[in-house]
């Protein structure tokens, strides 16, 4: 094997320095991606909680509306039975 020349060693050292910089950039990117993923997970959790709350409220409203409709319907049936609804 031939001995490594200083020029070749300089190129290898420069390539290693570039790789160190690339690795540092990758670590930074991974850290930023993790932070973004955590933030997205928090937003998704908040949206899920809001959806669950709204669903519960809508179901309660639906039950209340159904109750009101039943009362009105019963009232109208009673009025018609009393002869007040006939024309």
PDB file of N, CA and C in Angstrom:
ATOM      1  N   UNK A   1       0.842  -1.184   0.000  1.00  0.00           N
ATOM      2  CA  UNK A   1       0.000   0.000   0.000  1.00  0.00           C
ATOM      3  C   UNK A   1       0.878   1.234   0.000  1.00  0.00           C
ATOM      4  N   UNK A   2       0.376   2.214  -0.656  1.00  0.00           N
ATOM      5  CA  UNK A   2       1.146   3.451  -0.698  1.00  0.00           C
ATOM      6  C   UNK A   2       0.794   4.305   0.493  1.00  0.00           C
ATOM      7  N   UNK A   3       1.721   5.086   0.876  1.00  0.00           N
ATOM      8  CA  UNK A   3       1.487   5.989   2.008  1.00  0.00           C
ATOM      9  C   UNK A   3       0.515   7.080   1.595  1.00  0.00           C
ATOM     10  N   UNK A   4      -0.311   7.506   2.562  1.00  0.00           N
ATOM     11  CA  UNK A   4      -1.262   8.570   2.282  1.00  0.00           C
ATOM     12  C   UNK A   4      -0.504   9.873   2.138  1.00  0.00           C
ATOM     13  N   UNK A   5      -0.837  10.578   1.097  1.00  0.00           N
ATOM     14  CA  UNK A   5      -0.184  11.860   0.876  1.00  0.00           C
ATOM     15  C   UNK A   5      -0.902  12.917   1.688  1.00  0.00           C
ATOM     16  N   UNK A   6      -0.215  14.007   2.010  1.00  0.00           N
ATOM     17  CA  UNK A   6      -0.867  15.086   2.767  1.00  0.00           C
ATOM     18  C   UNK A   6      -2.090  15.624   2.041  1.00  0.00           C
ATOM     19  N   UNK A   7      -2.031  15.664   0.705  1.00  0.00           N
ATOM     20  CA  UNK A   7      -3.176  16.169  -0.048  1.00  0.00           C
ATOM     21  C   UNK A   7      -4.382  15.252   0.140  1.00  0.00           C
ATOM     22  N   UNK A   8      -4.142  13.960   0.090  1.00  0.00           N
ATOM     23  CA  UNK A   8      -5.231  12.990   0.271  1.00  0.00           C
ATOM     24  C   UNK A   8      -5.783  13.080   1.695  1.00  0.00           C
ATOM     25  N   UNK A   9      -4.919  13.212   2.664  1.00  0.00           N
ATOM     26  CA  UNK A   9      -5.358  13.356   4.053  1.00  0.00           C
ATOM     27  C   UNK A   9      -6.179  14.631   4.249  1.00  0.00           C
ATOM     28  N   UNK A  10      -5.784  15.698   3.578  1.00  0.00           N
ATOM     29  CA  UNK A  10      -6.543  16.949   3.659  1.00  0.00           C
ATOM     30  C   UNK A  10      -7.954  16.764   3.096  1.00  0.00           C
ATOM     31  N   UNK A  11      -8.054  16.035   1.964  1.00  0.00           N
ATOM     32  CA  UNK A  11      -9.373  15.785   1.378  1.00  0.00           C
ATOM     33  C   UNK A  11     -10.235  14.922   2.310  1.00  0.00           C
ATOM     34  N   UNK A  12      -9.636  13.925   2.895  1.00  0.00           N
ATOM     35  CA  UNK A  12     -10.371  13.060   3.825  1.00  0.00           C
ATOM     36  C   UNK A  12     -10.829  13.862   5.034  1.00  0.00           C
ATOM     37  N   UNK A  13      -9.943  14.688   5.568  1.00  0.00           N
ATOM     38  CA  UNK A  13     -10.307  15.521   6.715  1.00  0.00           C
ATOM     39  C   UNK A  13     -11.435  16.488   6.353  1.00  0.00           C
ATOM     40  N   UNK A  14     -11.375  17.079   5.174  1.00  0.00           N
ATOM     41  CA  UNK A  14     -12.424  18.003   4.729  1.00  0.00           C
ATOM     42  C   UNK A  14     -13.748  17.254   4.576  1.00  0.00           C
ATOM     43  N   UNK A  15     -13.700  16.046   4.027  1.00  0.00           N
ATOM     44  CA  UNK A  15     -14.914  15.246   3.871  1.00  0.00           C
ATOM     45  C   UNK A  15     -15.495  14.888   5.235  1.00  0.00           C
ATOM     46  N   UNK A  16     -14.661  14.546   6.177  1.00  0.00           N
ATOM     47  CA  UNK A  16     -15.130  14.237   7.531  1.00  0.00           C
ATOM     48  C   UNK A  16     -15.730  15.473   8.198  1.00  0.00           C
ATOM     49  N   UNK A  17     -15.099  16.611   7.994  1.00  0.00           N
ATOM     50  CA  UNK A  17     -15.653  17.861   8.547  1.00  0.00           C
ATOM     51  C   UNK A  17     -17.033  18.151   7.956  1.00  0.00           C
ATOM     52  N   UNK A  18     -17.181  17.944   6.644  1.00  0.00           N
ATOM     53  CA  UNK A  18     -18.490  18.145   6.014  1.00  0.00           C
ATOM     54  C   UNK A  18     -19.527  17.174   6.588  1.00  0.00           C
ATOM     55  N   UNK A  19     -19.097  15.923   6.803  1.00  0.00           N
ATOM     56  CA  UNK A  19     -20.026  14.932   7.345  1.00  0.00           C
ATOM     57  C   UNK A  19     -20.441  15.293   8.772  1.00  0.00           C
ATOM     58  N   UNK A  20     -19.526  15.829   9.543  1.00  0.00           N
ATOM     59  CA  UNK A  20     -19.866  16.277  10.898  1.00  0.00           C
ATOM     60  C   UNK A  20     -20.916  17.386  10.833  1.00  0.00           C
ATOM     61  N   UNK A  21     -20.743  18.309   9.895  1.00  0.00           N
ATOM     62  CA  UNK A  21     -21.717  19.399   9.743  1.00  0.00           C
ATOM     63  C   UNK A  21     -23.073  18.843   9.297  1.00  0.00           C
ATOM     64  N   UNK A  22     -23.066  17.892   8.367  1.00  0.00           N
ATOM     65  CA  UNK A  22     -24.319  17.280   7.909  1.00  0.00           C
ATOM     66  C   UNK A  22     -25.002  16.573   9.075  1.00  0.00           C
ATOM     67  N   UNK A  23     -24.242  15.837   9.866  1.00  0.00           N
ATOM     68  CA  UNK A  23     -24.816  15.132  11.016  1.00  0.00           C
ATOM     69  C   UNK A  23     -25.426  16.119  12.020  1.00  0.00           C
ATOM     70  N   UNK A  24     -24.751  17.240  12.234  1.00  0.00           N
ATOM     71  CA  UNK A  24     -25.289  18.251  13.153  1.00  0.00           C
ATOM     72  C   UNK A  24     -26.596  18.817  12.605  1.00  0.00           C
ATOM     73  N   UNK A  25     -26.630  19.079  11.300  1.00  0.00           N
ATOM     74  CA  UNK A  25     -27.867  19.570  10.679  1.00  0.00           C
ATOM     75  C   UNK A  25     -28.986  18.546  10.816  1.00  0.00           C
ATOM     76  N   UNK A  26     -28.664  17.285  10.629  1.00  0.00           N
ATOM     77  CA  UNK A  26     -29.665  16.228  10.762  1.00  0.00           C
ATOM     78  C   UNK A  26     -30.201  16.151  12.187  1.00  0.00           C
ATOM     79  N   UNK A  27     -29.314  16.260  13.159  1.00  0.00           N
ATOM     80  CA  UNK A  27     -29.772  16.243  14.561  1.00  0.00           C
ATOM     81  C   UNK A  27     -30.706  17.412  14.832  1.00  0.00           C
ATOM     82  N   UNK A  28     -30.364  18.592  14.299  1.00  0.00           N
ATOM     83  CA  UNK A  28     -31.228  19.763  14.461  1.00  0.00           C
ATOM     84  C   UNK A  28     -32.583  19.528  13.792  1.00  0.00           C
ATOM     85  N   UNK A  29     -32.563  18.969  12.592  1.00  0.00           N
ATOM     86  CA  UNK A  29     -33.813  18.698  11.874  1.00  0.00           C
ATOM     87  C   UNK A  29     -34.676  17.694  12.640  1.00  0.00           C
ATOM     88  N   UNK A  30     -34.056  16.664  13.168  1.00  0.00           N
ATOM     89  CA  UNK A  30     -34.810  15.665  13.925  1.00  0.00           C
ATOM     90  C   UNK A  30     -35.418  16.297  15.169  1.00  0.00           C
ATOM     91  N   UNK A  31     -34.672  17.138  15.843  1.00  0.00           N
ATOM     92  CA  UNK A  31     -35.175  17.829  17.030  1.00  0.00           C
ATOM     93  C   UNK A  31     -36.367  18.719  16.668  1.00  0.00           C
ATOM     94  N   UNK A  32     -36.241  19.449  15.559  1.00  0.00           N
ATOM     95  CA  UNK A  32     -37.346  20.308  15.109  1.00  0.00           C
ATOM     96  C   UNK A  32     -38.563  19.472  14.714  1.00  0.00           C
ATOM     97  N   UNK A  33     -38.341  18.347  14.051  1.00  0.00           N
ATOM     98  CA  UNK A  33     -39.444  17.469  13.674  1.00  0.00           C
ATOM     99  C   UNK A  33     -40.153  16.903  14.903  1.00  0.00           C
ATOM    100  N   UNK A  34     -39.379  16.533  15.903  1.00  0.00           N
ATOM    101  CA  UNK A  34     -39.993  16.033  17.139  1.00  0.00           C
ATOM    102  C   UNK A  34     -40.841  17.110  17.803  1.00  0.00           C
ATOM    103  N   UNK A  35     -40.326  18.320  17.837  1.00  0.00           N
ATOM    104  CA  UNK A  35     -41.081  19.427  18.438  1.00  0.00           C
ATOM    105  C   UNK A  35     -42.362  19.685  17.650  1.00  0.00           C
ATOM    106  N   UNK A  36     -42.267  19.642  16.333  1.00  0.00           N
ATOM    107  CA  UNK A  36     -43.447  19.841  15.495  1.00  0.00           C
ATOM    108  C   UNK A  36     -44.456  18.720  15.722  1.00  0.00           C
ATOM    109  N   UNK A  37     -43.983  17.486  15.797  1.00  0.00           N
ATOM    110  CA  UNK A  37     -44.876  16.352  16.029  1.00  0.00           C
ATOM    111  C   UNK A  37     -45.561  16.481  17.385  1.00  0.00           C
ATOM    112  N   UNK A  38     -44.822  16.898  18.401  1.00  0.00           N
ATOM    113  CA  UNK A  38     -45.415  17.101  19.733  1.00  0.00           C
ATOM    114  C   UNK A  38     -46.484  18.184  19.697  1.00  0.00           C
ATOM    115  N   UNK A  39     -46.200  19.277  19.004  1.00  0.00           N
ATOM    116  CA  UNK A  39     -47.170  20.365  18.891  1.00  0.00           C
ATOM    117  C   UNK A  39     -48.422  19.896  18.153  1.00  0.00           C
ATOM    118  N   UNK A  40     -48.243  19.146  17.080  1.00  0.00           N
ATOM    119  CA  UNK A  40     -49.387  18.621  16.331  1.00  0.00           C
ATOM    120  C   UNK A  40     -50.208  17.661  17.178  1.00  0.00           C
ATOM    121  N   UNK A  41     -49.533  16.863  17.973  1.00  0.00           N
ATOM    122  CA  UNK A  41     -50.246  15.937  18.857  1.00  0.00           C
ATOM    123  C   UNK A  41     -51.072  16.705  19.891  1.00  0.00           C
ATOM    124  N   UNK A  42     -50.514  17.772  20.429  1.00  0.00           N
ATOM    125  CA  UNK A  42     -51.257  18.598  21.379  1.00  0.00           C
ATOM    126  C   UNK A  42     -52.483  19.227  20.718  1.00  0.00           C
ATOM    127  N   UNK A  43     -52.319  19.735  19.509  1.00  0.00           N
ATOM    128  CA  UNK A  43     -53.447  20.334  18.785  1.00  0.00           C
ATOM    129  C   UNK A  43     -54.505  19.278  18.501  1.00  0.00           C
ATOM    130  N   UNK A  44     -54.080  18.095  18.059  1.00  0.00           N
ATOM    131  CA  UNK A  44     -55.027  17.015  17.772  1.00  0.00           C
ATOM    132  C   UNK A  44     -55.772  16.609  19.039  1.00  0.00           C
ATOM    133  N   UNK A  45     -55.087  16.572  20.161  1.00  0.00           N
ATOM    134  CA  UNK A  45     -55.725  16.224  21.432  1.00  0.00           C
ATOM    135  C   UNK A  45     -56.765  17.267  21.811  1.00  0.00           C
ATOM    136  N   UNK A  46     -56.427  18.535  21.637  1.00  0.00           N
ATOM    137  CA  UNK A  46     -57.371  19.615  21.940  1.00  0.00           C
ATOM    138  C   UNK A  46     -58.594  19.512  21.028  1.00  0.00           C
ATOM    139  N   UNK A  47     -58.364  19.265  19.741  1.00  0.00           N
ATOM    140  CA  UNK A  47     -59.489  19.130  18.811  1.00  0.00           C
ATOM    141  C   UNK A  47     -60.359  17.930  19.184  1.00  0.00           C
ATOM    142  N   UNK A  48     -59.746  16.839  19.583  1.00  0.00           N
ATOM    143  CA  UNK A  48     -60.504  15.654  19.985  1.00  0.00           C
ATOM    144  C   UNK A  48     -61.358  15.959  21.214  1.00  0.00           C
ATOM    145  N   UNK A  49     -60.777  16.648  22.181  1.00  0.00           N
ATOM    146  CA  UNK A  49     -61.532  17.015  23.385  1.00  0.00           C
ATOM    147  C   UNK A  49     -62.693  17.945  23.029  1.00  0.00           C
ATOM    148  N   UNK A  50     -62.435  18.913  22.151  1.00  0.00           N
ATOM    149  CA  UNK A  50     -63.504  19.825  21.712  1.00  0.00           C
ATOM    150  C   UNK A  50     -64.602  19.059  20.991  1.00  0.00           C
ATOM    151  N   UNK A  51     -64.212  18.135  20.132  1.00  0.00           N
ATOM    152  CA  UNK A  51     -65.183  17.334  19.395  1.00  0.00           C
ATOM    153  C   UNK A  51     -66.046  16.520  20.357  1.00  0.00           C
ATOM    154  N   UNK A  52     -65.421  15.907  21.338  1.00  0.00           N
ATOM    155  CA  UNK A  52     -66.164  15.107  22.310  1.00  0.00           C
ATOM    156  C   UNK A  52     -67.133  15.982  23.112  1.00  0.00           C
ATOM    157  N   UNK A  53     -66.677  17.165  23.510  1.00  0.00           N
ATOM    158  CA  UNK A  53     -67.542  18.081  24.259  1.00  0.00           C
ATOM    159  C   UNK A  53     -68.716  18.539  23.396  1.00  0.00           C
ATOM    160  N   UNK A  54     -68.431  18.922  22.166  1.00  0.00           N
ATOM    161  CA  UNK A  54     -69.500  19.369  21.271  1.00  0.00           C
ATOM    162  C   UNK A  54     -70.486  18.244  20.973  1.00  0.00           C
ATOM    163  N   UNK A  55     -69.979  17.037  20.809  1.00  0.00           N
ATOM    164  CA  UNK A  55     -70.853  15.896  20.565  1.00  0.00           C
ATOM    165  C   UNK A  55     -71.789  15.688  21.747  1.00  0.00           C
ATOM    166  N   UNK A  56     -71.254  15.773  22.950  1.00  0.00           N
ATOM    167  CA  UNK A  56     -72.083  15.617  24.144  1.00  0.00           C
ATOM    168  C   UNK A  56     -73.137  16.726  24.213  1.00  0.00           C
ATOM    169  N   UNK A  57     -72.730  17.957  23.917  1.00  0.00           N
ATOM    170  CA  UNK A  57     -73.680  19.072  23.936  1.00  0.00           C
ATOM    171  C   UNK A  57     -74.761  18.903  22.867  1.00  0.00           C
ATOM    172  N   UNK A  58     -74.367  18.477  21.682  1.00  0.00           N
ATOM    173  CA  UNK A  58     -75.338  18.272  20.616  1.00  0.00           C
ATOM    174  C   UNK A  58     -76.323  17.156  20.970  1.00  0.00           C
ATOM    175  N   UNK A  59     -75.822  16.111  21.572  1.00  0.00           N
ATOM    176  CA  UNK A  59     -76.717  15.024  21.983  1.00  0.00           C
ATOM    177  C   UNK A  59     -77.699  15.502  23.049  1.00  0.00           C
ATOM    178  N   UNK A  60     -77.217  16.305  23.988  1.00  0.00           N
ATOM    179  CA  UNK A  60     -78.107  16.852  25.016  1.00  0.00           C
ATOM    180  C   UNK A  60     -79.147  17.763  24.373  1.00  0.00           C
ATOM    181  N   UNK A  61     -78.719  18.588  23.417  1.00  0.00           N
ATOM    182  CA  UNK A  61     -79.659  19.459  22.709  1.00  0.00           C
ATOM    183  C   UNK A  61     -80.683  18.640  21.928  1.00  0.00           C
ATOM    184  N   UNK A  62     -80.218  17.585  21.287  1.00  0.00           N
ATOM    185  CA  UNK A  62     -81.122  16.725  20.520  1.00  0.00           C
ATOM    186  C   UNK A  62     -82.181  16.118  21.432  1.00  0.00           C
ATOM    187  N   UNK A  63     -81.790  15.668  22.599  1.00  0.00           N
ATOM    188  CA  UNK A  63     -82.742  15.097  23.556  1.00  0.00           C
ATOM    189  C   UNK A  63     -83.743  16.157  23.999  1.00  0.00           C
ATOM    190  N   UNK A  64     -83.243  17.362  24.279  1.00  0.00           N
ATOM    191  CA  UNK A  64     -84.129  18.454  24.698  1.00  0.00           C
ATOM    192  C   UNK A  64     -85.103  18.823  23.581  1.00  0.00           C
ATOM    193  N   UNK A  65     -84.602  18.937  22.353  1.00  0.00           N
ATOM    194  CA  UNK A  65     -85.483  19.248  21.216  1.00  0.00           C
ATOM    195  C   UNK A  65     -86.532  18.156  21.030  1.00  0.00           C
ATOM    196  N   UNK A  66     -86.112  16.904  21.144  1.00  0.00           N
ATOM    197  CA  UNK A  66     -87.057  15.798  20.992  1.00  0.00           C
ATOM    198  C   UNK A  66     -88.155  15.893  22.054  1.00  0.00           C
ATOM    199  N   UNK A  67     -87.756  16.228  23.255  1.00  0.00           N
ATOM    200  CA  UNK A  67     -88.716  16.379  24.347  1.00  0.00           C
ATOM    201  C   UNK A  67     -89.694  17.512  24.050  1.00  0.00           C
ATOM    202  N   UNK A  68     -89.181  18.644  23.583  1.00  0.00           N
ATOM    203  CA  UNK A  68     -90.035  19.782  23.238  1.00  0.00           C
ATOM    204  C   UNK A  68     -91.003  19.421  22.103  1.00  0.00           C
ATOM    205  N   UNK A  69     -90.496  18.750  21.086  1.00  0.00           N
ATOM    206  CA  UNK A  69     -91.346  18.344  19.966  1.00  0.00           C
ATOM    207  C   UNK A  69     -92.443  17.398  20.448  1.00  0.00           C
ATOM    208  N   UNK A  70     -92.080  16.455  21.317  1.00  0.00           N
ATOM    209  CA  UNK A  70     -93.086  15.524  21.850  1.00  0.00           C
ATOM    210  C   UNK A  70     -94.159  16.270  22.637  1.00  0.00           C
ATOM    211  N   UNK A  71     -93.763  17.258  23.440  1.00  0.00           N
ATOM    212  CA  UNK A  71     -94.739  18.041  24.212  1.00  0.00           C
ATOM    213  C   UNK A  71     -95.668  18.828  23.286  1.00  0.00           C
ATOM    214  N   UNK A  72     -95.088  19.446  22.266  1.00  0.00           N
ATOM    215  CA  UNK A  72     -95.906  20.207  21.312  1.00  0.00           C
ATOM    216  C   UNK A  72     -96.857  19.261  20.578  1.00  0.00           C
ATOM    217  N   UNK A  73     -96.339  18.140  20.146  1.00  0.00           N
ATOM    218  CA  UNK A  73     -97.175  17.166  19.449  1.00  0.00           C
ATOM    219  C   UNK A  73     -98.317  16.689  20.342  1.00  0.00           C
ATOM    220  N   UNK A  74     -98.016  16.398  21.572  1.00  0.00           N
ATOM    221  CA  UNK A  74     -99.048  15.960  22.518  1.00  0.00           C
ATOM    222  C   UNK A  74    -100.089  17.061  22.719  1.00  0.00           C
ATOM    223  N   UNK A  75     -99.630  18.297  22.844  1.00  0.00           N
ATOM    224  CA  UNK A  75    -100.542  19.433  23.001  1.00  0.00           C
ATOM    225  C   UNK A  75    -101.475  19.534  21.793  1.00  0.00           C
ATOM    226  N   UNK A  76    -100.903  19.449  20.593  1.00  0.00           N
ATOM    227  CA  UNK A  76    -101.704  19.550  19.375  1.00  0.00           C
ATOM    228  C   UNK A  76    -102.707  18.400  19.274  1.00  0.00           C
ATOM    229  N   UNK A  77    -102.307  17.219  19.662  1.00  0.00           N
ATOM    230  CA  UNK A  77    -103.232  16.087  19.638  1.00  0.00           C
ATOM    231  C   UNK A  77    -104.380  16.290  20.623  1.00  0.00           C
ATOM    232  N   UNK A  78    -104.035  16.820  21.793  1.00  0.00           N
ATOM    233  CA  UNK A  78    -105.077  17.078  22.786  1.00  0.00           C
ATOM    234  C   UNK A  78    -106.039  18.160  22.305  1.00  0.00           C
ATOM    235  N   UNK A  79    -105.518  19.209  21.675  1.00  0.00           N
ATOM    236  CA  UNK A  79    -106.348  20.288  21.163  1.00  0.00           C
ATOM    237  C   UNK A  79    -107.285  19.786  20.065  1.00  0.00           C
ATOM    238  N   UNK A  80    -106.768  18.941  19.228  1.00  0.00           N
ATOM    239  CA  UNK A  80    -107.589  18.394  18.152  1.00  0.00           C
ATOM    240  C   UNK A  80    -108.667  17.487  18.734  1.00  0.00           C
ATOM    241  N   UNK A  81    -108.335  16.758  19.757  1.00  0.00           N
ATOM    242  CA  UNK A  81    -109.298  15.874  20.401  1.00  0.00           C
ATOM    243  C   UNK A  81    -110.404  16.650  21.097  1.00  0.00           C
ATOM    244  N   UNK A  82    -110.140  17.885  21.489  1.00  0.00           N
ATOM    245  CA  UNK A  82    -111.139  18.729  22.152  1.00  0.00           C
ATOM    246  C   UNK A  82    -112.004  19.476  21.144  1.00  0.00           C
ATOM    247  N   UNK A  83    -111.766  19.262  19.888  1.00  0.00           N
ATOM    248  CA  UNK A  83    -112.545  19.914  18.872  1.00  0.00           C
ATOM    249  C   UNK A  83    -112.044  21.302  18.507  1.00  0.00           C
ATOM    250  N   UNK A  84    -110.953  21.731  19.114  1.00  0.00           N
ATOM    251  CA  UNK A  84    -110.459  23.082  18.839  1.00  0.00           C
ATOM    252  C   UNK A  84    -109.661  23.142  17.541  1.00  0.00           C
ATOM    253  N   UNK A  85    -109.171  21.989  17.087  1.00  0.00           N
ATOM    254  CA  UNK A  85    -108.334  22.006  15.909  1.00  0.00           C
ATOM    255  C   UNK A  85    -109.115  21.732  14.628  1.00  0.00           C
ATOM    256  N   UNK A  86    -110.374  21.446  14.713  1.00  0.00           N
ATOM    257  CA  UNK A  86    -111.145  21.126  13.518  1.00  0.00           C
ATOM    258  C   UNK A  86    -111.739  22.395  12.910  1.00  0.00           C
ATOM    259  N   UNK A  87    -111.784  22.441  11.595  1.00  0.00           N
ATOM    260  CA  UNK A  87    -112.267  23.663  10.971  1.00  0.00           C
ATOM    261  C   UNK A  87    -113.551  23.549  10.262  1.00  0.00           C
TER     262      UNK A  87
END
